[in-house]
Protein backbone atom coordinates (compact mmCIF):
# COMPACT_ATOMS: atom_id res chain seq x y z
CA MET A 1 -0.19 -0.12 -0.32
CA ASN A 2 1.49 3.62 -0.88
CA SER A 3 2.62 5.46 2.33
CA SER A 4 2.74 8.92 0.56
CA VAL A 5 0.32 10.90 2.39
CA LYS A 6 0.44 13.85 4.64
CA LEU A 7 -0.60 13.64 8.56
CA ALA A 8 -1.20 16.18 11.08
CA ILE A 9 -0.70 15.57 14.97
CA SER A 10 -2.15 18.12 17.34
CA SER A 11 0.32 17.44 20.44
CA GLY A 12 -2.07 17.97 23.23
CA GLU A 13 -1.56 18.85 26.81
CA PRO A 14 2.19 20.58 27.07
CA ALA A 15 2.36 19.21 30.81
CA GLY A 16 1.26 15.17 30.10
CA ILE A 17 2.52 12.79 27.33
CA GLY A 18 1.53 14.11 24.41
CA PRO A 19 4.24 15.94 23.32
CA GLU A 20 6.64 12.81 23.62
CA VAL A 21 4.09 10.09 22.33
CA SER A 22 3.55 12.30 19.37
CA ILE A 23 7.44 12.64 18.50
CA ALA A 24 8.12 8.98 19.32
CA ALA A 25 5.30 7.71 17.38
CA ALA A 26 6.00 10.12 14.11
CA ASN A 27 9.64 9.03 14.02
CA ALA A 28 8.30 4.97 13.85
CA PHE A 29 5.93 5.64 11.79
CA ILE A 30 8.37 7.65 9.16
CA GLY A 31 10.64 4.97 9.79
CA ASP A 32 8.01 2.43 8.43
CA ASN A 33 6.76 4.69 5.75
CA PRO A 34 9.63 6.98 4.49
CA ASP A 35 7.38 8.58 1.47
CA ALA A 36 4.87 9.92 4.31
CA LYS A 37 5.40 13.52 5.85
CA ILE A 38 3.90 14.68 9.32
CA THR A 39 3.28 17.92 10.30
CA LEU A 40 3.99 18.35 14.86
CA TYR A 41 1.70 21.16 15.57
CA GLY A 42 2.49 22.90 19.12
CA ASP A 43 5.10 24.66 20.60
CA ARG A 44 8.83 24.14 19.32
CA SER A 45 10.42 23.71 22.73
CA LEU A 46 8.27 20.69 23.47
CA LEU A 47 8.74 19.15 20.43
CA GLN A 48 12.73 19.35 19.51
CA THR A 49 13.64 17.57 22.80
CA GLN A 50 14.88 14.46 20.75
CA GLY A 51 16.03 14.11 16.90
CA LEU A 52 13.17 13.95 13.96
CA ALA A 53 13.17 12.53 11.01
CA SER A 54 13.53 14.80 8.19
CA GLN A 55 10.05 14.12 7.01
CA ILE A 56 8.58 15.82 10.36
CA GLN A 57 8.07 19.40 10.57
CA ILE A 58 7.10 21.54 13.40
CA ALA A 59 4.18 24.17 12.78
CA HIS A 60 5.11 26.29 15.95
CA ILE A 61 2.50 27.38 18.38
CA PRO A 62 3.96 29.27 21.28
CA LEU A 63 2.87 28.72 24.61
CA ILE A 64 1.68 31.40 27.08
CA GLN A 65 3.33 30.24 29.85
CA PRO A 66 6.42 28.12 30.63
CA ASN A 67 5.79 24.32 30.80
CA ILE A 68 6.41 22.18 33.90
CA ILE A 69 5.87 18.88 33.10
CA GLY A 70 3.70 17.05 34.88
CA LYS A 71 1.72 20.25 36.63
CA LEU A 72 -1.39 21.45 34.81
CA ASN A 73 -1.30 24.93 33.98
CA PRO A 74 -4.85 26.67 33.39
CA GLU A 75 -3.18 30.03 31.59
CA ASN A 76 -1.92 27.44 28.57
CA ALA A 77 -5.47 26.34 28.20
CA PRO A 78 -5.73 28.79 25.06
CA TYR A 79 -2.54 27.64 23.98
CA VAL A 80 -3.96 24.09 23.72
CA LEU A 81 -6.88 24.50 22.15
CA SER A 82 -5.24 26.84 19.36
CA VAL A 83 -3.10 23.57 18.92
CA ILE A 84 -6.29 21.90 17.99
CA GLN A 85 -7.84 24.95 15.65
CA GLU A 86 -5.03 25.49 13.76
CA ALA A 87 -4.07 21.41 13.13
CA SER A 88 -7.75 21.06 11.95
CA SER A 89 -8.13 24.32 9.95
CA ALA A 90 -4.96 22.96 8.14
CA CYS A 91 -6.90 19.22 7.17
CA ARG A 92 -10.61 21.24 6.64
CA LYS A 93 -8.52 23.03 3.81
CA GLY A 94 -6.58 19.92 2.34
CA ILE A 95 -3.19 20.65 3.66
CA HIS A 96 -3.11 17.60 5.13
CA ASP A 97 -4.97 14.35 4.52
CA ALA A 98 -5.40 13.28 8.22
CA LEU A 99 -5.54 14.69 12.01
CA VAL A 100 -4.17 12.62 14.47
CA THR A 101 -4.87 14.09 18.14
CA ALA A 102 -2.42 13.61 21.16
CA PRO A 103 -4.21 13.41 24.95
CA VAL A 104 -5.73 16.91 26.43
CA GLN A 105 -6.78 17.61 30.32
CA LYS A 106 -10.68 18.37 29.90
CA SER A 107 -10.36 19.51 33.50
CA ILE A 108 -8.51 22.73 32.27
CA LEU A 109 -10.21 23.22 29.27
CA ASN A 110 -13.92 23.37 30.10
CA THR A 111 -14.26 26.51 31.81
CA PRO A 112 -17.43 28.69 32.58
CA SER A 113 -15.72 31.17 29.79
CA ILE A 114 -14.77 28.09 27.54
CA LYS A 115 -16.86 25.15 26.67
CA PHE A 116 -15.02 22.16 26.20
CA MET A 117 -16.52 18.62 26.39
CA GLY A 118 -13.94 16.75 24.73
CA HIS A 119 -12.44 16.55 20.94
CA THR A 120 -14.75 14.77 19.61
CA GLU A 121 -17.17 17.87 19.91
CA PHE A 122 -14.71 20.57 19.59
CA LEU A 123 -13.65 19.06 16.42
CA ALA A 124 -17.48 18.99 15.14
CA GLN A 125 -18.12 22.35 16.20
CA LEU A 126 -14.87 23.52 14.07
CA ASP A 127 -16.01 21.78 11.24
CA SER A 128 -19.73 23.04 11.67
CA LYS A 129 -21.03 19.66 12.16
CA ASP A 130 -24.78 19.61 13.80
CA GLN A 131 -23.62 15.88 14.80
CA VAL A 132 -20.71 13.77 14.65
CA VAL A 133 -19.77 9.96 16.15
CA MET A 134 -17.19 8.32 18.47
CA MET A 135 -15.91 5.10 17.54
CA LEU A 136 -13.31 3.25 19.21
CA CYS A 137 -11.22 0.54 16.94
CA GLY A 138 -8.95 -2.12 18.15
CA HIS A 139 -8.67 -5.87 17.81
CA ILE A 140 -10.16 -8.94 19.89
CA ARG A 141 -9.08 -12.58 20.13
CA ASP A 142 -11.28 -15.30 21.04
CA PRO A 143 -9.37 -17.06 23.88
CA LYS A 144 -11.63 -20.54 23.13
CA SER A 145 -10.15 -20.36 19.25
CA GLY A 146 -7.12 -21.92 20.50
CA SER A 147 -5.10 -19.46 17.68
CA ASN A 148 -3.59 -16.10 18.11
CA GLN A 149 -5.47 -14.60 15.16
CA ALA A 150 -7.44 -11.41 15.89
CA PHE A 151 -10.56 -9.39 14.33
CA PRO A 152 -11.56 -6.24 14.45
CA LEU A 153 -13.21 -4.61 17.35
CA ARG A 154 -15.45 -1.54 16.66
CA VAL A 155 -17.46 0.44 19.19
CA ALA A 156 -19.33 3.33 18.16
CA LEU A 157 -21.55 5.52 20.82
CA ALA A 158 -24.71 7.01 20.75
CA THR A 159 -23.63 9.78 23.87
CA THR A 160 -20.06 10.80 24.82
CA HIS A 161 -18.96 12.74 27.49
CA LEU A 162 -22.45 13.28 29.35
CA ALA A 163 -23.23 12.51 33.10
CA ILE A 164 -25.04 9.45 33.25
CA GLN A 165 -28.06 11.27 34.73
CA ASP A 166 -28.27 13.25 31.23
CA VAL A 167 -27.90 9.80 29.05
CA PRO A 168 -31.11 8.84 29.13
CA GLN A 169 -32.81 12.08 27.61
CA ALA A 170 -29.97 12.73 25.21
CA ILE A 171 -31.02 9.18 23.40
CA GLN A 172 -33.71 10.80 21.25
CA TYR A 173 -35.18 9.16 17.79
CA GLN A 174 -33.97 11.40 15.29
CA SER A 175 -30.68 11.99 16.93
CA LEU A 176 -30.04 7.99 17.23
CA LEU A 177 -31.23 7.50 13.59
CA GLN A 178 -28.69 9.99 12.84
CA THR A 179 -25.90 8.66 13.98
CA LEU A 180 -26.74 4.92 12.63
CA ARG A 181 -26.93 6.51 9.39
CA ILE A 182 -23.14 8.17 9.93
CA ILE A 183 -21.65 4.88 11.07
CA HIS A 184 -23.35 3.31 8.09
CA ALA A 185 -21.76 5.68 5.38
CA ASP A 186 -18.52 6.18 7.31
CA LEU A 187 -17.86 2.47 7.08
CA GLN A 188 -18.81 2.22 3.45
CA THR A 189 -16.70 4.99 2.63
CA ARG A 190 -13.42 5.18 4.60
CA PHE A 191 -13.63 1.54 6.10
CA GLY A 192 -14.78 -0.51 2.66
CA ILE A 193 -17.42 -1.95 4.20
CA ALA A 194 -20.03 -2.67 1.47
CA ASN A 195 -22.95 -3.95 4.13
CA PRO A 196 -22.07 -2.98 7.60
CA ILE A 197 -23.29 -4.81 10.31
CA ILE A 198 -24.06 -2.85 13.31
CA MET A 199 -25.22 -4.40 16.74
CA VAL A 200 -27.12 -1.84 18.90
CA THR A 201 -26.89 -2.22 22.59
CA GLY A 202 -29.76 -1.55 24.98
CA LEU A 203 -29.63 1.31 27.52
CA ASN A 204 -31.07 -0.63 30.04
CA PRO A 205 -30.14 -3.86 31.97
CA HIS A 206 -31.25 -6.85 30.03
CA ALA A 207 -32.23 -4.50 27.25
CA GLY A 208 -35.21 -3.16 29.37
CA GLU A 209 -36.25 -6.71 30.01
CA ASP A 210 -39.37 -6.26 28.03
CA GLY A 211 -40.36 -3.07 29.55
CA GLN A 212 -39.36 -4.35 33.32
CA LEU A 213 -36.28 -2.35 33.86
CA GLY A 214 -37.25 0.91 31.35
CA THR A 215 -38.94 1.57 28.15
CA GLU A 216 -36.56 3.26 26.22
CA GLU A 217 -35.63 -0.04 24.11
CA ILE A 218 -39.43 -0.10 23.12
CA GLY A 219 -40.03 3.48 23.14
CA ILE A 220 -37.03 4.34 21.17
CA LEU A 221 -34.58 2.09 20.00
CA MET A 222 -36.73 -0.78 18.51
CA PRO A 223 -38.47 2.32 16.51
CA VAL A 224 -34.92 3.64 15.14
CA ILE A 225 -33.66 0.45 14.34
CA LYS A 226 -36.95 -0.45 12.23
CA ALA A 227 -36.64 2.89 10.50
CA ALA A 228 -32.80 2.31 9.86
CA LYS A 229 -33.21 -1.01 8.42
CA ALA A 230 -36.24 0.36 6.22
CA GLU A 231 -33.59 2.68 4.77
CA GLY A 232 -31.03 -0.09 3.99
CA ILE A 233 -28.92 0.14 7.10
CA ASN A 234 -27.91 -3.09 8.66
CA ALA A 235 -29.00 -2.44 12.15
CA SER A 236 -30.32 -5.19 14.72
CA GLY A 237 -30.99 -5.33 18.55
CA PRO A 238 -31.34 -3.94 21.10
CA TYR A 239 -28.83 -6.33 22.73
CA PRO A 240 -28.33 -6.72 26.47
CA ALA A 241 -24.75 -5.02 26.43
CA ASP A 242 -23.34 -7.08 29.36
CA THR A 243 -23.47 -10.74 26.94
CA LEU A 244 -23.24 -8.72 23.74
CA PHE A 245 -19.29 -7.88 24.61
CA ASN A 246 -18.02 -11.45 23.82
CA PRO A 247 -15.64 -12.99 21.34
CA VAL A 248 -18.08 -15.36 19.45
CA ARG A 249 -20.96 -12.52 19.54
CA LEU A 250 -18.40 -9.69 18.38
CA GLN A 251 -17.17 -11.52 15.33
CA ALA A 252 -20.46 -11.51 13.80
CA ALA A 253 -20.47 -7.48 13.71
CA ASP A 254 -18.75 -4.91 11.90
CA VAL A 255 -19.37 -2.17 15.21
CA VAL A 256 -21.20 -2.29 18.05
CA LEU A 257 -23.23 0.91 19.02
CA ALA A 258 -23.07 1.74 22.61
CA MET A 259 -25.83 3.94 24.36
CA TYR A 260 -23.37 5.73 26.61
CA HIS A 261 -19.22 6.06 27.29
CA ASP A 262 -18.51 3.55 29.90
CA GLN A 263 -21.03 0.85 28.42
CA GLY A 264 -19.17 0.80 25.08
CA LEU A 265 -15.63 2.13 26.16
CA ALA A 266 -14.65 -0.32 29.30
CA PRO A 267 -14.90 -3.59 27.78
CA PHE A 268 -13.42 -2.05 24.45
CA LYS A 269 -10.00 -0.96 26.67
CA PHE A 270 -10.21 -4.05 28.62
CA ALA A 271 -9.66 -6.12 25.19
CA THR A 272 -7.50 -3.61 23.66
CA PHE A 273 -5.70 -1.07 25.81
CA THR A 274 -2.79 0.81 24.29
CA GLU A 275 -3.79 -0.52 21.14
CA GLY A 276 -7.03 1.24 20.67
CA VAL A 277 -7.88 4.25 18.20
CA ASN A 278 -10.37 6.63 18.51
CA ILE A 279 -11.92 7.52 15.24
CA THR A 280 -14.26 10.81 14.75
CA LEU A 281 -17.17 9.58 12.18
CA GLY A 282 -18.89 12.58 10.10
CA LEU A 283 -16.39 15.02 9.95
CA SER A 284 -15.40 16.34 6.54
CA TYR A 285 -11.77 15.02 6.80
CA ILE A 286 -10.12 11.95 8.74
CA ARG A 287 -9.40 12.42 12.49
CA SER A 288 -7.97 9.57 14.58
CA SER A 289 -6.45 9.83 18.25
CA VAL A 290 -5.02 7.70 20.82
CA ASP A 291 -7.59 5.48 23.71
CA HIS A 292 -5.28 7.01 26.82
CA GLY A 293 -5.29 10.28 28.70
CA THR A 294 -2.30 12.64 29.55
CA ALA A 295 -0.76 10.57 32.31
CA LEU A 296 0.68 13.58 34.01
CA ASP A 297 2.39 10.96 36.78
CA ILE A 298 4.50 9.78 34.26
CA ALA A 299 5.12 12.48 31.93
CA GLY A 300 8.61 13.10 31.07
CA GLN A 301 10.08 10.18 32.55
CA GLY A 302 10.40 8.13 29.44
CA LYS A 303 7.65 5.72 30.57
CA ALA A 304 4.68 6.45 28.32
CA ASP A 305 4.01 3.64 25.70
CA TRP A 306 3.58 5.32 22.43
CA GLN A 307 1.68 2.52 20.66
CA SER A 308 -1.55 4.30 20.83
CA MET A 309 -0.38 6.98 18.82
CA LEU A 310 1.06 4.94 16.51
CA ALA A 311 -1.76 2.82 15.88
CA ALA A 312 -3.94 5.97 15.26
CA LEU A 313 -1.00 7.07 12.80
CA ASN A 314 -1.54 3.94 10.66
CA MET A 315 -5.47 4.12 10.92
CA ALA A 316 -5.21 7.81 9.53
CA LYS A 317 -2.59 6.36 6.82
CA GLU A 318 -5.39 3.51 6.26
CA LEU A 319 -8.21 5.68 6.39
CA SER A 320 -6.13 8.25 3.91
CA ILE A 321 -5.45 6.25 1.38
CA ARG A 322 -9.11 4.55 0.84
CA GLN A 323 -10.42 7.88 0.51
CA LYS A 324 -7.33 9.08 -1.82
CA ARG A 325 -8.61 6.09 -4.28
CA LEU A 326 -12.23 6.80 -3.58
CA ASN A 327 -11.90 10.37 -4.76
CA ALA A 328 -9.60 9.23 -7.75
CA SER A 329 -12.77 6.97 -8.75
CA GLY A 330 -14.96 9.86 -8.32
CA THR A 331 -17.08 7.89 -6.37
């Protein structure tokens, strides 16, 4: 596969592991893909701490205050947002084929003056998209198969960064149907899956147990799945989440749509941690990310695992090349 792609990396929270995993993964990626080009967005002082391959450039965005590794500084919050804004703007203009994001610290970004619920929501706002979908991608092995062969595991979310008490009200007919449409379309165009199989979890324990443990499945989820099927979307469910996340059942799905953050991401990260990749579906450009946080406690100590960032770069490359091929074919 041709590796001639141009990728942008937003280096994330300066006090965390974002800059160091960005550098390490970028160098490793270029070692495997010497025809590729990477632009690191962030302060030059954070990104020149070790040698960079010649195919890696720095788009310098200055820090507001001096950085102390492992110690958050709210004064640098506008810097973090600027890094994301500049990198995403370049992707929207077609300067880069994809954006790969390092982790940020929401606790200093979401303030009364700045509303930041997460990368997914912020990038959607910058891209003028009313709705996007968070999807995690990795691989899982069936321990009963006697083989180390892995198969893809994809978990999308109906809601993202919400308090549990706010989740039921957020699951509405139109937004959930649009979520299924976005998943279906992006798995077809960006992942090359002709007829994506989407398994939908229930919201309540045992998927509501025929209304005994909640009525959202009967009142919302079942009608949405029926409407999606009428549009040619291969969706099914709702399934109890506690029995859906096992290797045998997962092999029958191209993606699982979970109703809220931890329902989907807890089992996903248990199976794929350090190898998982976060994808935002529904943007005008390709965006991938690590599936971990800023790890302030180990920042700057050489302990950070950069495999998830490398996986995010590899995913961005794969999706970018497929997008180029689709564009070339005119489809």
